[in-house]
Amino acid sequence: MSSVSTPATSSHAPSPANAGRPAAAPGRALAQPKKAIALMVLAVGLFAVMDAIVKWMGETYSTTQIMFFRSLFAFIPLSFLIFRGGLAAALRVNDAKTHALRCLAGMIAMFSFFYAFANMPLADAVAIAFAAPIFVTALSVPLLGERVGPRRWAAVLLGFAGVLIMVQPGPGLLQSVAIIPLIGTVFYALAAIFVRKLAHTDSPTSIVFYFTLVCTIVAAVLLPFSWITPTWADFFWLVAIGVIGGLAQIAMTQSFRHADVALIMPFEYTTMFWAAGLGYFFWGEIPGLNIWVGVAIVTAAGLYILYREANLGLPRGTARKLQPRR
């Protein structure tokens, strides 16, 4: 879920359930499961590499500056999706208010995650972000008027227990950096809900285009307050953040064209292993037992929610992939 493309998000309509991706031919959803899984694993790996570069660059450059490069240079690969879907569709806005809310929530989420990556162990921040589907389910009741049954509420409560195990709340929680990715996860969930609403009125290319554009503009306005002129080597890595993030988003989007969401979304949770491996290799970070226990609980709860939604025919699982993951 890094910086925000979201894992569900990057969760994840015809009907509202299919609005986020090109319509597949009948029977196509499960036609190429191996290809879909390979694309999802590729996307997760690319996002993890991007997160590691964000953490590395965050030691020198401000979060705002990194967000600017992430958004601006993401247009290079994303232009493929934008022009494939049609420039007119990308520019057309039918629900400006929800677009604005989605952009605001997404920017806060991206800032929170990028700041967390730079200031805490990479795997810890990623693990906390796994709680996004839990918050999406809980927030869908007041914001979308959805009905959540007792089984999914039980999964939500179990997921919250996993979050508490990871962040270890106490008197100093508000002073702890762990609160930052938790805030980011809540806003990421809000962004996912706004994306789902937009799926009924606006094209997926429009959702991606305006979020990336607004992030670029807002970061550019704030850039003079924290700008540090990068070396040529650092400039390359800052550009790489945007390009890799855009490529990861494309890979994740394409994966949903070849298989059902219930089949491929579990592979998004492999992010934890990428993050733990990169964190250990480059920074000697080893996630504590509380992180592994908490992420196991949150993952189990998230997968159960996905399973229940798939059985009930709910569309939220597919809506998550419409937004940039981070």
C-alpha atoms as a PDB file:
ATOM      1  CA  MET A   1       0.000   0.000   0.000  1.00  0.00           C
ATOM      2  CA  SER A   2       2.742   2.288  -0.022  1.00  0.00           C
ATOM      3  CA  SER A   3       2.644   5.486  -1.000  1.00  0.00           C
ATOM      4  CA  VAL A   4      -0.575   5.164  -2.134  1.00  0.00           C
ATOM      5  CA  SER A   5      -1.370   2.351  -5.276  1.00  0.00           C
ATOM      6  CA  THR A   6      -2.602   1.024  -3.113  1.00  0.00           C
ATOM      7  CA  PRO A   7      -1.994  -3.042  -1.788  1.00  0.00           C
ATOM      8  CA  ALA A   8      -6.091  -2.961  -1.805  1.00  0.00           C
ATOM      9  CA  THR A   9      -5.971  -1.089  -2.600  1.00  0.00           C
ATOM     10  CA  SER A  10      -3.847  -0.482  -4.642  1.00  0.00           C
ATOM     11  CA  SER A  11      -7.426  -2.739  -2.914  1.00  0.00           C
ATOM     12  CA  HIS A  12      -8.604  -2.947  -5.237  1.00  0.00           C
ATOM     13  CA  ALA A  13     -18.660  -1.460 -12.677  1.00  0.00           C
ATOM     14  CA  PRO A  14     -20.946  -2.692 -16.743  1.00  0.00           C
ATOM     15  CA  SER A  15     -21.719  -3.017 -12.988  1.00  0.00           C
ATOM     16  CA  PRO A  16     -19.969  -1.076 -10.193  1.00  0.00           C
ATOM     17  CA  ALA A  17     -17.820  -4.117  -9.539  1.00  0.00           C
ATOM     18  CA  ASN A  18     -16.147  -3.837 -12.938  1.00  0.00           C
ATOM     19  CA  ALA A  19     -15.884  -0.076 -13.343  1.00  0.00           C
ATOM     20  CA  GLY A  20     -12.251  -0.076 -12.332  1.00  0.00           C
ATOM     21  CA  ARG A  21     -10.941  -2.208 -15.127  1.00  0.00           C
ATOM     22  CA  PRO A  22     -11.618  -2.895 -18.793  1.00  0.00           C
ATOM     23  CA  ALA A  23     -14.549  -5.200 -19.298  1.00  0.00           C
ATOM     24  CA  ALA A  24     -13.494  -8.775 -19.803  1.00  0.00           C
ATOM     25  CA  ALA A  25     -15.055 -11.138 -22.230  1.00  0.00           C
ATOM     26  CA  PRO A  26     -17.354 -13.793 -20.751  1.00  0.00           C
ATOM     27  CA  GLY A  27     -15.294 -16.413 -18.962  1.00  0.00           C
ATOM     28  CA  ARG A  28     -12.149 -14.347 -19.237  1.00  0.00           C
ATOM     29  CA  ALA A  29     -11.866 -13.553 -15.519  1.00  0.00           C
ATOM     30  CA  LEU A  30     -10.262 -16.887 -14.751  1.00  0.00           C
ATOM     31  CA  ALA A  31      -8.765 -17.468 -18.220  1.00  0.00           C
ATOM     32  CA  GLN A  32      -5.177 -16.629 -17.322  1.00  0.00           C
ATOM     33  CA  PRO A  33      -4.721 -17.044 -13.551  1.00  0.00           C
ATOM     34  CA  LYS A  34      -0.965 -17.683 -13.791  1.00  0.00           C
ATOM     35  CA  LYS A  35      -0.455 -14.466 -15.736  1.00  0.00           C
ATOM     36  CA  ALA A  36      -2.628 -12.540 -13.285  1.00  0.00           C
ATOM     37  CA  ILE A  37      -0.707 -13.872 -10.288  1.00  0.00           C
ATOM     38  CA  ALA A  38       2.628 -13.117 -11.966  1.00  0.00           C
ATOM     39  CA  LEU A  39       1.534  -9.534 -12.651  1.00  0.00           C
ATOM     40  CA  MET A  40       0.351  -9.085  -9.066  1.00  0.00           C
ATOM     41  CA  VAL A  41       3.621 -10.437  -7.657  1.00  0.00           C
ATOM     42  CA  LEU A  42       5.512  -8.127 -10.045  1.00  0.00           C
ATOM     43  CA  ALA A  43       3.420  -5.148  -8.930  1.00  0.00           C
ATOM     44  CA  VAL A  44       3.960  -5.948  -5.255  1.00  0.00           C
ATOM     45  CA  GLY A  45       7.702  -6.317  -5.812  1.00  0.00           C
ATOM     46  CA  LEU A  46       7.903  -3.011  -7.700  1.00  0.00           C
ATOM     47  CA  PHE A  47       5.950  -1.213  -4.980  1.00  0.00           C
ATOM     48  CA  ALA A  48       8.289  -2.659  -2.341  1.00  0.00           C
ATOM     49  CA  VAL A  49      11.335  -1.462  -4.292  1.00  0.00           C
ATOM     50  CA  MET A  50       9.726   1.962  -4.624  1.00  0.00           C
ATOM     51  CA  ASP A  51       9.054   2.060  -0.879  1.00  0.00           C
ATOM     52  CA  ALA A  52      12.687   1.181  -0.169  1.00  0.00           C
ATOM     53  CA  ILE A  53      13.898   3.993  -2.445  1.00  0.00           C
ATOM     54  CA  VAL A  54      11.469   6.372  -0.721  1.00  0.00           C
ATOM     55  CA  LYS A  55      12.957   5.366   2.629  1.00  0.00           C
ATOM     56  CA  TRP A  56      16.495   5.869   1.328  1.00  0.00           C
ATOM     57  CA  MET A  57      15.776   9.262  -0.271  1.00  0.00           C
ATOM     58  CA  GLY A  58      13.803  10.273   2.828  1.00  0.00           C
ATOM     59  CA  GLU A  59      17.059  10.387   4.758  1.00  0.00           C
ATOM     60  CA  THR A  60      18.035  13.481   2.721  1.00  0.00           C
ATOM     61  CA  TYR A  61      14.954  14.937   1.058  1.00  0.00           C
ATOM     62  CA  SER A  62      11.619  16.083   2.467  1.00  0.00           C
ATOM     63  CA  THR A  63       8.468  14.030   2.115  1.00  0.00           C
ATOM     64  CA  THR A  64       6.946  16.811   0.001  1.00  0.00           C
ATOM     65  CA  GLN A  65       9.822  16.722  -2.473  1.00  0.00           C
ATOM     66  CA  ILE A  66       9.609  12.945  -2.784  1.00  0.00           C
ATOM     67  CA  MET A  67       5.842  13.184  -3.340  1.00  0.00           C
ATOM     68  CA  PHE A  68       6.450  15.679  -6.128  1.00  0.00           C
ATOM     69  CA  PHE A  69       8.792  13.337  -7.989  1.00  0.00           C
ATOM     70  CA  ARG A  70       6.534  10.343  -7.293  1.00  0.00           C
ATOM     71  CA  SER A  71       3.558  12.103  -8.853  1.00  0.00           C
ATOM     72  CA  LEU A  72       5.200  14.002 -11.707  1.00  0.00           C
ATOM     73  CA  PHE A  73       7.223  11.148 -13.156  1.00  0.00           C
ATOM     74  CA  ALA A  74       4.449   8.621 -12.645  1.00  0.00           C
ATOM     75  CA  PHE A  75       2.879  10.309 -15.677  1.00  0.00           C
ATOM     76  CA  ILE A  76       5.505   8.660 -17.894  1.00  0.00           C
ATOM     77  CA  PRO A  77       4.148   5.100 -17.520  1.00  0.00           C
ATOM     78  CA  LEU A  78       0.615   6.193 -16.607  1.00  0.00           C
ATOM     79  CA  SER A  79       0.280   8.034 -19.916  1.00  0.00           C
ATOM     80  CA  PHE A  80      -0.102   4.558 -21.435  1.00  0.00           C
ATOM     81  CA  LEU A  81      -3.237   3.906 -19.379  1.00  0.00           C
ATOM     82  CA  ILE A  82      -4.554   7.435 -19.846  1.00  0.00           C
ATOM     83  CA  PHE A  83      -4.325   7.429 -23.636  1.00  0.00           C
ATOM     84  CA  ARG A  84      -5.461   3.834 -23.887  1.00  0.00           C
ATOM     85  CA  GLY A  85      -8.623   4.759 -22.022  1.00  0.00           C
ATOM     86  CA  GLY A  86      -8.981   7.932 -24.069  1.00  0.00           C
ATOM     87  CA  LEU A  87      -7.869  11.460 -23.201  1.00  0.00           C
ATOM     88  CA  ALA A  88     -11.457  12.697 -23.248  1.00  0.00           C
ATOM     89  CA  ALA A  89     -12.405  10.109 -20.632  1.00  0.00           C
ATOM     90  CA  ALA A  90      -9.417  11.106 -18.511  1.00  0.00           C
ATOM     91  CA  LEU A  91     -10.403  14.778 -18.557  1.00  0.00           C
ATOM     92  CA  ARG A  92     -14.137  14.314 -18.018  1.00  0.00           C
ATOM     93  CA  VAL A  93     -15.376  14.967 -14.459  1.00  0.00           C
ATOM     94  CA  ASN A  94     -18.910  14.146 -13.358  1.00  0.00           C
ATOM     95  CA  ASP A  95     -18.510  14.267  -9.572  1.00  0.00           C
ATOM     96  CA  ALA A  96     -16.039  17.023  -8.740  1.00  0.00           C
ATOM     97  CA  LYS A  97     -16.768  16.963  -4.995  1.00  0.00           C
ATOM     98  CA  THR A  98     -15.924  13.281  -4.612  1.00  0.00           C
ATOM     99  CA  HIS A  99     -12.836  13.750  -6.788  1.00  0.00           C
ATOM    100  CA  ALA A 100     -11.699  16.497  -4.408  1.00  0.00           C
ATOM    101  CA  LEU A 101     -12.329  14.342  -1.334  1.00  0.00           C
ATOM    102  CA  ARG A 102     -10.525  11.402  -2.937  1.00  0.00           C
ATOM    103  CA  CYS A 103      -7.517  13.593  -3.793  1.00  0.00           C
ATOM    104  CA  LEU A 104      -7.362  15.060  -0.283  1.00  0.00           C
ATOM    105  CA  ALA A 105      -7.593  11.660   1.423  1.00  0.00           C
ATOM    106  CA  GLY A 106      -5.110  10.130  -1.006  1.00  0.00           C
ATOM    107  CA  MET A 107      -2.550  12.900  -0.529  1.00  0.00           C
ATOM    108  CA  ILE A 108      -2.722  12.633   3.254  1.00  0.00           C
ATOM    109  CA  ALA A 109      -2.298   8.871   2.976  1.00  0.00           C
ATOM    110  CA  MET A 110       0.671   9.190   0.604  1.00  0.00           C
ATOM    111  CA  PHE A 111       2.367  11.808   2.807  1.00  0.00           C
ATOM    112  CA  SER A 112       1.832   9.669   5.911  1.00  0.00           C
ATOM    113  CA  PHE A 113       3.252   6.526   4.350  1.00  0.00           C
ATOM    114  CA  PHE A 114       6.260   8.285   2.821  1.00  0.00           C
ATOM    115  CA  TYR A 115       7.030   9.982   6.126  1.00  0.00           C
ATOM    116  CA  ALA A 116       6.672   6.667   7.966  1.00  0.00           C
ATOM    117  CA  PHE A 117       8.981   4.853   5.542  1.00  0.00           C
ATOM    118  CA  ALA A 118      11.699   7.409   6.211  1.00  0.00           C
ATOM    119  CA  ASN A 119      11.320   7.352   9.986  1.00  0.00           C
ATOM    120  CA  MET A 120      10.526   3.780  11.034  1.00  0.00           C
ATOM    121  CA  PRO A 121      11.352   0.230   9.939  1.00  0.00           C
ATOM    122  CA  LEU A 122      10.008  -0.398   6.446  1.00  0.00           C
ATOM    123  CA  ALA A 123       8.247  -3.677   7.277  1.00  0.00           C
ATOM    124  CA  ASP A 124       6.557  -2.139  10.339  1.00  0.00           C
ATOM    125  CA  ALA A 125       4.966   0.634   8.269  1.00  0.00           C
ATOM    126  CA  VAL A 126       3.872  -1.820   5.561  1.00  0.00           C
ATOM    127  CA  ALA A 127       2.391  -4.168   8.161  1.00  0.00           C
ATOM    128  CA  ILE A 128       0.226  -1.418   9.657  1.00  0.00           C
ATOM    129  CA  ALA A 129      -0.982  -0.501   6.163  1.00  0.00           C
ATOM    130  CA  PHE A 130      -2.399  -4.024   5.805  1.00  0.00           C
ATOM    131  CA  ALA A 131      -5.282  -2.858   7.989  1.00  0.00           C
ATOM    132  CA  ALA A 132      -6.740  -0.798   5.109  1.00  0.00           C
ATOM    133  CA  PRO A 133      -9.433  -3.383   4.148  1.00  0.00           C
ATOM    134  CA  ILE A 134     -10.507  -3.508   7.792  1.00  0.00           C
ATOM    135  CA  PHE A 135     -11.070   0.255   7.856  1.00  0.00           C
ATOM    136  CA  VAL A 136     -12.773   0.177   4.443  1.00  0.00           C
ATOM    137  CA  THR A 137     -15.333  -2.319   5.728  1.00  0.00           C
ATOM    138  CA  ALA A 138     -15.944  -0.357   8.933  1.00  0.00           C
ATOM    139  CA  LEU A 139     -16.193   3.032   7.188  1.00  0.00           C
ATOM    140  CA  SER A 140     -18.448   1.751   4.414  1.00  0.00           C
ATOM    141  CA  VAL A 141     -21.327   1.637   6.894  1.00  0.00           C
ATOM    142  CA  PRO A 142     -21.521   5.375   7.736  1.00  0.00           C
ATOM    143  CA  LEU A 143     -20.158   6.658   4.410  1.00  0.00           C
ATOM    144  CA  LEU A 144     -21.816   4.325   1.895  1.00  0.00           C
ATOM    145  CA  GLY A 145     -24.765   3.101   3.923  1.00  0.00           C
ATOM    146  CA  GLU A 146     -23.710  -0.509   3.434  1.00  0.00           C
ATOM    147  CA  ARG A 147     -24.893  -3.306   5.673  1.00  0.00           C
ATOM    148  CA  VAL A 148     -22.140  -5.366   7.252  1.00  0.00           C
ATOM    149  CA  GLY A 149     -23.150  -8.684   8.741  1.00  0.00           C
ATOM    150  CA  PRO A 150     -21.982 -10.099  12.063  1.00  0.00           C
ATOM    151  CA  ARG A 151     -19.287 -12.264  10.436  1.00  0.00           C
ATOM    152  CA  ARG A 152     -17.588  -9.336   8.759  1.00  0.00           C
ATOM    153  CA  TRP A 153     -17.942  -7.221  11.907  1.00  0.00           C
ATOM    154  CA  ALA A 154     -16.199 -10.015  13.794  1.00  0.00           C
ATOM    155  CA  ALA A 155     -13.399  -9.933  11.201  1.00  0.00           C
ATOM    156  CA  VAL A 156     -13.181  -6.144  11.560  1.00  0.00           C
ATOM    157  CA  LEU A 157     -12.829  -6.422  15.342  1.00  0.00           C
ATOM    158  CA  LEU A 158     -10.211  -9.143  14.928  1.00  0.00           C
ATOM    159  CA  GLY A 159      -8.341  -6.927  12.485  1.00  0.00           C
ATOM    160  CA  PHE A 160      -8.399  -4.013  14.920  1.00  0.00           C
ATOM    161  CA  ALA A 161      -6.961  -6.328  17.573  1.00  0.00           C
ATOM    162  CA  GLY A 162      -4.118  -7.112  15.180  1.00  0.00           C
ATOM    163  CA  VAL A 163      -3.505  -3.385  14.651  1.00  0.00           C
ATOM    164  CA  LEU A 164      -3.348  -2.819  18.415  1.00  0.00           C
ATOM    165  CA  ILE A 165      -0.790  -5.606  18.735  1.00  0.00           C
ATOM    166  CA  MET A 166       1.376  -3.933  16.067  1.00  0.00           C
ATOM    167  CA  VAL A 167       1.211  -0.322  17.291  1.00  0.00           C
ATOM    168  CA  GLN A 168       1.197  -1.273  21.010  1.00  0.00           C
ATOM    169  CA  PRO A 169      -0.906   1.664  22.222  1.00  0.00           C
ATOM    170  CA  GLY A 170       0.007   3.318  25.470  1.00  0.00           C
ATOM    171  CA  PRO A 171       0.451   6.771  27.019  1.00  0.00           C
ATOM    172  CA  GLY A 172       3.087   7.621  24.403  1.00  0.00           C
ATOM    173  CA  LEU A 173       1.191   6.477  21.314  1.00  0.00           C
ATOM    174  CA  LEU A 174       0.467   9.986  20.067  1.00  0.00           C
ATOM    175  CA  GLN A 175       4.188  10.755  20.285  1.00  0.00           C
ATOM    176  CA  SER A 176       5.112   7.524  18.528  1.00  0.00           C
ATOM    177  CA  VAL A 177       5.899   7.496  14.815  1.00  0.00           C
ATOM    178  CA  ALA A 178       3.686   4.393  14.546  1.00  0.00           C
ATOM    179  CA  ILE A 179       0.646   6.671  14.665  1.00  0.00           C
ATOM    180  CA  ILE A 180       1.649   8.149  11.275  1.00  0.00           C
ATOM    181  CA  PRO A 181       1.152   5.024   9.103  1.00  0.00           C
ATOM    182  CA  LEU A 182      -1.999   4.271  11.106  1.00  0.00           C
ATOM    183  CA  ILE A 183      -3.351   7.704  10.129  1.00  0.00           C
ATOM    184  CA  GLY A 184      -2.237   7.023   6.578  1.00  0.00           C
ATOM    185  CA  THR A 185      -4.117   3.713   6.581  1.00  0.00           C
ATOM    186  CA  VAL A 186      -7.342   5.382   7.706  1.00  0.00           C
ATOM    187  CA  PHE A 187      -7.086   8.000   4.960  1.00  0.00           C
ATOM    188  CA  TYR A 188      -6.150   5.332   2.436  1.00  0.00           C
ATOM    189  CA  ALA A 189      -9.362   3.529   3.350  1.00  0.00           C
ATOM    190  CA  LEU A 190     -11.302   6.780   2.949  1.00  0.00           C
ATOM    191  CA  ALA A 191      -9.724   7.273  -0.479  1.00  0.00           C
ATOM    192  CA  ALA A 192     -10.748   3.731  -1.442  1.00  0.00           C
ATOM    193  CA  ILE A 193     -14.345   4.477  -0.463  1.00  0.00           C
ATOM    194  CA  PHE A 194     -14.378   7.708  -2.479  1.00  0.00           C
ATOM    195  CA  VAL A 195     -12.934   5.802  -5.429  1.00  0.00           C
ATOM    196  CA  ARG A 196     -15.760   3.319  -5.159  1.00  0.00           C
ATOM    197  CA  LYS A 197     -18.287   6.154  -5.305  1.00  0.00           C
ATOM    198  CA  LEU A 198     -16.521   7.622  -8.334  1.00  0.00           C
ATOM    199  CA  ALA A 199     -16.668   4.237 -10.075  1.00  0.00           C
ATOM    200  CA  HIS A 200     -20.395   4.855 -10.577  1.00  0.00           C
ATOM    201  CA  THR A 201     -19.924   8.233 -12.302  1.00  0.00           C
ATOM    202  CA  ASP A 202     -16.380   8.676 -13.630  1.00  0.00           C
ATOM    203  CA  SER A 203     -13.913   6.646 -15.666  1.00  0.00           C
ATOM    204  CA  PRO A 204     -10.952   4.910 -14.013  1.00  0.00           C
ATOM    205  CA  THR A 205      -8.561   6.941 -16.185  1.00  0.00           C
ATOM    206  CA  SER A 206     -10.154  10.141 -14.867  1.00  0.00           C
ATOM    207  CA  ILE A 207      -9.717   8.983 -11.270  1.00  0.00           C
ATOM    208  CA  VAL A 208      -6.041   8.163 -11.815  1.00  0.00           C
ATOM    209  CA  PHE A 209      -5.307  11.269 -13.906  1.00  0.00           C
ATOM    210  CA  TYR A 210      -6.748  13.860 -11.530  1.00  0.00           C
ATOM    211  CA  PHE A 211      -5.287  12.312  -8.412  1.00  0.00           C
ATOM    212  CA  THR A 212      -1.808  12.247  -9.938  1.00  0.00           C
ATOM    213  CA  LEU A 213      -2.247  15.772 -11.329  1.00  0.00           C
ATOM    214  CA  VAL A 214      -3.486  17.259  -8.043  1.00  0.00           C
ATOM    215  CA  CYS A 215      -0.680  15.570  -6.089  1.00  0.00           C
ATOM    216  CA  THR A 216       1.872  17.032  -8.496  1.00  0.00           C
ATOM    217  CA  ILE A 217       0.438  20.541  -8.283  1.00  0.00           C
ATOM    218  CA  VAL A 218       0.041  20.601  -4.490  1.00  0.00           C
ATOM    219  CA  ALA A 219       3.530  19.199  -3.935  1.00  0.00           C
ATOM    220  CA  ALA A 220       4.942  21.733  -6.430  1.00  0.00           C
ATOM    221  CA  VAL A 221       3.315  24.616  -4.519  1.00  0.00           C
ATOM    222  CA  LEU A 222       4.835  23.404  -1.242  1.00  0.00           C
ATOM    223  CA  LEU A 223       8.176  22.497  -2.796  1.00  0.00           C
ATOM    224  CA  PRO A 224       9.945  25.882  -2.296  1.00  0.00           C
ATOM    225  CA  PHE A 225       9.617  25.483   1.485  1.00  0.00           C
ATOM    226  CA  SER A 226      11.656  22.279   1.571  1.00  0.00           C
ATOM    227  CA  TRP A 227      13.521  22.038  -1.733  1.00  0.00           C
ATOM    228  CA  ILE A 228      16.999  20.554  -1.717  1.00  0.00           C
ATOM    229  CA  THR A 229      18.758  20.479  -5.065  1.00  0.00           C
ATOM    230  CA  PRO A 230      19.508  16.802  -5.699  1.00  0.00           C
ATOM    231  CA  THR A 231      22.746  15.440  -7.063  1.00  0.00           C
ATOM    232  CA  TRP A 232      22.524  13.818 -10.482  1.00  0.00           C
ATOM    233  CA  ALA A 233      22.597  10.390  -8.854  1.00  0.00           C
ATOM    234  CA  ASP A 234      19.820  11.303  -6.412  1.00  0.00           C
ATOM    235  CA  PHE A 235      17.828  12.894  -9.245  1.00  0.00           C
ATOM    236  CA  PHE A 236      17.903   9.536 -11.019  1.00  0.00           C
ATOM    237  CA  TRP A 237      16.547   7.743  -7.936  1.00  0.00           C
ATOM    238  CA  LEU A 238      13.870  10.371  -7.325  1.00  0.00           C
ATOM    239  CA  VAL A 239      12.683   9.975 -10.917  1.00  0.00           C
ATOM    240  CA  ALA A 240      12.811   6.198 -10.455  1.00  0.00           C
ATOM    241  CA  ILE A 241      10.311   6.478  -7.573  1.00  0.00           C
ATOM    242  CA  GLY A 242       7.700   7.892  -9.942  1.00  0.00           C
ATOM    243  CA  VAL A 243       8.457   5.593 -12.857  1.00  0.00           C
ATOM    244  CA  ILE A 244       8.559   2.426 -10.737  1.00  0.00           C
ATOM    245  CA  GLY A 245       5.372   3.435  -8.920  1.00  0.00           C
ATOM    246  CA  GLY A 246       3.600   4.010 -12.225  1.00  0.00           C
ATOM    247  CA  LEU A 247       4.790   0.694 -13.657  1.00  0.00           C
ATOM    248  CA  ALA A 248       3.650  -1.101 -10.485  1.00  0.00           C
ATOM    249  CA  GLN A 249       0.228   0.469 -10.808  1.00  0.00           C
ATOM    250  CA  ILE A 250      -0.048  -0.673 -14.424  1.00  0.00           C
ATOM    251  CA  ALA A 251       1.015  -4.220 -13.506  1.00  0.00           C
ATOM    252  CA  MET A 252      -1.559  -4.362 -10.716  1.00  0.00           C
ATOM    253  CA  THR A 253      -4.298  -2.986 -12.962  1.00  0.00           C
ATOM    254  CA  GLN A 254      -3.486  -5.482 -15.697  1.00  0.00           C
ATOM    255  CA  SER A 255      -3.514  -8.375 -13.234  1.00  0.00           C
ATOM    256  CA  PHE A 256      -7.203  -7.746 -12.565  1.00  0.00           C
ATOM    257  CA  ARG A 257      -7.961  -8.207 -16.271  1.00  0.00           C
ATOM    258  CA  HIS A 258      -6.923 -11.839 -16.213  1.00  0.00           C
ATOM    259  CA  ALA A 259      -8.356 -13.289 -13.001  1.00  0.00           C
ATOM    260  CA  ASP A 260     -10.926 -12.725 -10.313  1.00  0.00           C
ATOM    261  CA  VAL A 261      -9.993 -10.420  -7.448  1.00  0.00           C
ATOM    262  CA  ALA A 262     -10.487 -13.175  -4.865  1.00  0.00           C
ATOM    263  CA  LEU A 263      -7.760 -15.235  -6.542  1.00  0.00           C
ATOM    264  CA  ILE A 264      -5.040 -12.606  -6.843  1.00  0.00           C
ATOM    265  CA  MET A 265      -5.560 -10.265  -3.893  1.00  0.00           C
ATOM    266  CA  PRO A 266      -4.008 -12.690  -1.367  1.00  0.00           C
ATOM    267  CA  PHE A 267      -0.717 -12.326  -3.236  1.00  0.00           C
ATOM    268  CA  GLU A 268      -0.711  -8.619  -2.359  1.00  0.00           C
ATOM    269  CA  TYR A 269       0.071  -9.649   1.209  1.00  0.00           C
ATOM    270  CA  THR A 270       3.482 -10.887   0.039  1.00  0.00           C
ATOM    271  CA  THR A 271       4.450  -7.215   0.327  1.00  0.00           C
ATOM    272  CA  MET A 272       5.418  -7.953   3.927  1.00  0.00           C
ATOM    273  CA  PHE A 273       8.128 -10.385   2.858  1.00  0.00           C
ATOM    274  CA  TRP A 274       9.514  -7.956   0.296  1.00  0.00           C
ATOM    275  CA  ALA A 275       9.550  -5.146   2.868  1.00  0.00           C
ATOM    276  CA  ALA A 276      11.118  -7.309   5.568  1.00  0.00           C
ATOM    277  CA  GLY A 277      13.803  -8.570   3.178  1.00  0.00           C
ATOM    278  CA  LEU A 278      14.701  -5.133   1.838  1.00  0.00           C
ATOM    279  CA  GLY A 279      14.626  -3.595   5.307  1.00  0.00           C
ATOM    280  CA  TYR A 280      16.979  -6.249   6.651  1.00  0.00           C
ATOM    281  CA  PHE A 281      19.350  -6.200   3.667  1.00  0.00           C
ATOM    282  CA  PHE A 282      19.819  -2.422   3.478  1.00  0.00           C
ATOM    283  CA  TRP A 283      19.168  -1.213   7.030  1.00  0.00           C
ATOM    284  CA  GLY A 284      19.515  -4.285   9.240  1.00  0.00           C
ATOM    285  CA  GLU A 285      15.886  -3.957  10.350  1.00  0.00           C
ATOM    286  CA  ILE A 286      14.200  -6.987  11.901  1.00  0.00           C
ATOM    287  CA  PRO A 287      10.449  -6.746  12.599  1.00  0.00           C
ATOM    288  CA  GLY A 288       9.547  -7.552  16.197  1.00  0.00           C
ATOM    289  CA  LEU A 289       7.365 -10.477  17.218  1.00  0.00           C
ATOM    290  CA  ASN A 290       4.434  -8.105  17.773  1.00  0.00           C
ATOM    291  CA  ILE A 291       4.625  -7.053  14.112  1.00  0.00           C
ATOM    292  CA  TRP A 292       4.555 -10.623  12.798  1.00  0.00           C
ATOM    293  CA  VAL A 293       1.721 -11.631  15.138  1.00  0.00           C
ATOM    294  CA  GLY A 294      -0.265  -8.495  14.349  1.00  0.00           C
ATOM    295  CA  VAL A 295       0.186  -8.747  10.588  1.00  0.00           C
ATOM    296  CA  ALA A 296      -0.862 -12.429  10.666  1.00  0.00           C
ATOM    297  CA  ILE A 297      -4.098 -11.478  12.442  1.00  0.00           C
ATOM    298  CA  VAL A 298      -4.788  -8.506  10.169  1.00  0.00           C
ATOM    299  CA  THR A 299      -4.059 -10.577   7.062  1.00  0.00           C
ATOM    300  CA  ALA A 300      -6.396 -13.351   8.200  1.00  0.00           C
ATOM    301  CA  ALA A 301      -9.146 -10.824   8.920  1.00  0.00           C
ATOM    302  CA  GLY A 302      -8.638  -9.066   5.576  1.00  0.00           C
ATOM    303  CA  LEU A 303      -8.720 -12.308   3.624  1.00  0.00           C
ATOM    304  CA  TYR A 304     -11.880 -13.413   5.407  1.00  0.00           C
ATOM    305  CA  ILE A 305     -13.557 -10.102   4.571  1.00  0.00           C
ATOM    306  CA  LEU A 306     -12.520 -10.577   0.937  1.00  0.00           C
ATOM    307  CA  TYR A 307     -13.903 -14.137   1.009  1.00  0.00           C
ATOM    308  CA  ARG A 308     -17.224 -13.000   2.452  1.00  0.00           C
ATOM    309  CA  GLU A 309     -17.555 -10.137  -0.029  1.00  0.00           C
ATOM    310  CA  ALA A 310     -16.815 -12.504  -2.906  1.00  0.00           C
ATOM    311  CA  ASN A 311     -19.504 -14.918  -1.669  1.00  0.00           C
ATOM    312  CA  LEU A 312     -21.991 -12.090  -1.191  1.00  0.00           C
ATOM    313  CA  GLY A 313     -21.226 -10.585  -4.592  1.00  0.00           C
ATOM    314  CA  LEU A 314     -20.105  -7.238  -3.161  1.00  0.00           C
ATOM    315  CA  PRO A 315     -18.042  -4.951  -5.419  1.00  0.00           C
ATOM    316  CA  ARG A 316     -15.676  -3.302  -2.963  1.00  0.00           C
ATOM    317  CA  GLY A 317     -12.795  -5.681  -3.582  1.00  0.00           C
ATOM    318  CA  THR A 318     -12.526  -4.570  -7.200  1.00  0.00           C
ATOM    319  CA  ALA A 319     -12.909  -0.899  -6.381  1.00  0.00           C
ATOM    320  CA  ARG A 320      -9.640  -0.771  -4.460  1.00  0.00           C
ATOM    321  CA  LYS A 321      -7.459  -1.175  -7.509  1.00  0.00           C
ATOM    322  CA  LEU A 322      -8.726   2.040  -9.086  1.00  0.00           C
ATOM    323  CA  GLN A 323      -6.570   4.257  -6.959  1.00  0.00           C
ATOM    324  CA  PRO A 324      -2.811   4.644  -6.947  1.00  0.00           C
ATOM    325  CA  ARG A 325      -1.617   2.482  -4.140  1.00  0.00           C
ATOM    326  CA  ARG A 326       0.768   4.999  -2.723  1.00  0.00           C
END
